[in-house]
Amino acid sequence: MDYKDDTVKVTKDAAIFNDRGEYGMGLVVRDSNGDLIQTRTLLKVGMVSPEIAEALAVKEALSG
């Protein structure tokens, strides 16, 4: 897929750790050439649904 020069692609994922009462997320940001700009991982205490964890990953990605 071709992207414009001024775009970035953000890939996100989330996981639920029921046995520990935690959830986590990972983010990868790449430029239009596919070069890595930033990565981030987060581990949070608490229980949320998988859908909420994914939504929080999107929120985190947008908040920069």
C-alpha atoms as a PDB file:
ATOM      1  CA  MET A   1       0.000   0.000   0.000  1.00  0.00           C
ATOM      2  CA  ASP A   2       1.366   3.410  -0.946  1.00  0.00           C
ATOM      3  CA  TYR A   3       1.112   6.286   1.501  1.00  0.00           C
ATOM      4  CA  LYS A   4       1.584   9.999   1.011  1.00  0.00           C
ATOM      5  CA  ASP A   5       4.912  11.366   2.223  1.00  0.00           C
ATOM      6  CA  ASP A   6       3.359  13.192   5.174  1.00  0.00           C
ATOM      7  CA  THR A   7       1.478  10.246   6.658  1.00  0.00           C
ATOM      8  CA  VAL A   8       2.220   7.858   9.475  1.00  0.00           C
ATOM      9  CA  LYS A   9       0.850   4.402  10.153  1.00  0.00           C
ATOM     10  CA  VAL A  10       0.023   3.384  13.716  1.00  0.00           C
ATOM     11  CA  THR A  11      -0.329  -0.285  14.570  1.00  0.00           C
ATOM     12  CA  LYS A  12      -1.788  -1.143  17.968  1.00  0.00           C
ATOM     13  CA  ASP A  13      -2.701  -4.209  19.948  1.00  0.00           C
ATOM     14  CA  ALA A  14      -3.996  -4.910  23.422  1.00  0.00           C
ATOM     15  CA  ALA A  15      -3.989  -7.906  25.746  1.00  0.00           C
ATOM     16  CA  ILE A  16      -5.902  -8.873  28.859  1.00  0.00           C
ATOM     17  CA  PHE A  17      -4.114 -10.667  31.721  1.00  0.00           C
ATOM     18  CA  ASN A  18      -7.026 -12.032  33.752  1.00  0.00           C
ATOM     19  CA  ASP A  19      -4.850 -13.965  36.212  1.00  0.00           C
ATOM     20  CA  ARG A  20      -2.968 -10.791  37.201  1.00  0.00           C
ATOM     21  CA  GLY A  21      -5.825  -8.275  36.952  1.00  0.00           C
ATOM     22  CA  GLU A  22      -3.963  -6.230  34.337  1.00  0.00           C
ATOM     23  CA  TYR A  23      -4.184  -5.251  30.703  1.00  0.00           C
ATOM     24  CA  GLY A  24      -1.536  -4.037  28.324  1.00  0.00           C
ATOM     25  CA  MET A  25      -1.100  -2.411  24.971  1.00  0.00           C
ATOM     26  CA  GLY A  26       1.571  -1.918  22.380  1.00  0.00           C
ATOM     27  CA  LEU A  27       1.926   0.741  19.693  1.00  0.00           C
ATOM     28  CA  VAL A  28       4.201   1.023  16.668  1.00  0.00           C
ATOM     29  CA  VAL A  29       4.411   4.218  14.581  1.00  0.00           C
ATOM     30  CA  ARG A  30       6.009   4.169  11.118  1.00  0.00           C
ATOM     31  CA  ASP A  31       6.484   6.848   8.481  1.00  0.00           C
ATOM     32  CA  SER A  32       5.425   6.642   4.832  1.00  0.00           C
ATOM     33  CA  ASN A  33       8.626   4.710   4.011  1.00  0.00           C
ATOM     34  CA  GLY A  34       7.905   2.136   6.698  1.00  0.00           C
ATOM     35  CA  ASP A  35      10.721   3.425   8.888  1.00  0.00           C
ATOM     36  CA  LEU A  36      10.182   3.183  12.619  1.00  0.00           C
ATOM     37  CA  ILE A  37       9.338   6.453  14.359  1.00  0.00           C
ATOM     38  CA  GLN A  38       8.243   5.303  17.811  1.00  0.00           C
ATOM     39  CA  THR A  39       7.186   2.288  19.844  1.00  0.00           C
ATOM     40  CA  ARG A  40       5.435   2.174  23.170  1.00  0.00           C
ATOM     41  CA  THR A  41       4.220  -0.503  25.552  1.00  0.00           C
ATOM     42  CA  LEU A  42       2.001   0.077  28.558  1.00  0.00           C
ATOM     43  CA  LEU A  43       0.832  -2.156  31.377  1.00  0.00           C
ATOM     44  CA  LYS A  44      -2.160  -1.012  33.419  1.00  0.00           C
ATOM     45  CA  VAL A  45      -3.705  -2.383  36.599  1.00  0.00           C
ATOM     46  CA  GLY A  46      -7.399  -3.182  36.391  1.00  0.00           C
ATOM     47  CA  MET A  47      -9.786  -5.235  34.346  1.00  0.00           C
ATOM     48  CA  VAL A  48     -11.444  -4.033  31.162  1.00  0.00           C
ATOM     49  CA  SER A  49     -13.052  -5.831  28.257  1.00  0.00           C
ATOM     50  CA  PRO A  50     -10.932  -6.550  25.174  1.00  0.00           C
ATOM     51  CA  GLU A  51     -12.909  -3.936  23.247  1.00  0.00           C
ATOM     52  CA  ILE A  52     -12.176  -1.257  25.846  1.00  0.00           C
ATOM     53  CA  ALA A  53      -8.491  -2.216  25.948  1.00  0.00           C
ATOM     54  CA  GLU A  54      -8.298  -1.811  22.150  1.00  0.00           C
ATOM     55  CA  ALA A  55     -10.120   1.541  22.360  1.00  0.00           C
ATOM     56  CA  LEU A  56      -7.700   2.727  25.041  1.00  0.00           C
ATOM     57  CA  ALA A  57      -4.810   1.726  22.763  1.00  0.00           C
ATOM     58  CA  VAL A  58      -6.275   3.933  20.012  1.00  0.00           C
ATOM     59  CA  LYS A  59      -6.687   6.786  22.504  1.00  0.00           C
ATOM     60  CA  GLU A  60      -3.070   6.385  23.612  1.00  0.00           C
ATOM     61  CA  ALA A  61      -1.892   6.402  20.001  1.00  0.00           C
ATOM     62  CA  LEU A  62      -3.808   9.608  19.248  1.00  0.00           C
ATOM     63  CA  SER A  63      -2.563  11.365  22.379  1.00  0.00           C
ATOM     64  CA  GLY A  64       1.019  11.018  21.149  1.00  0.00           C
END
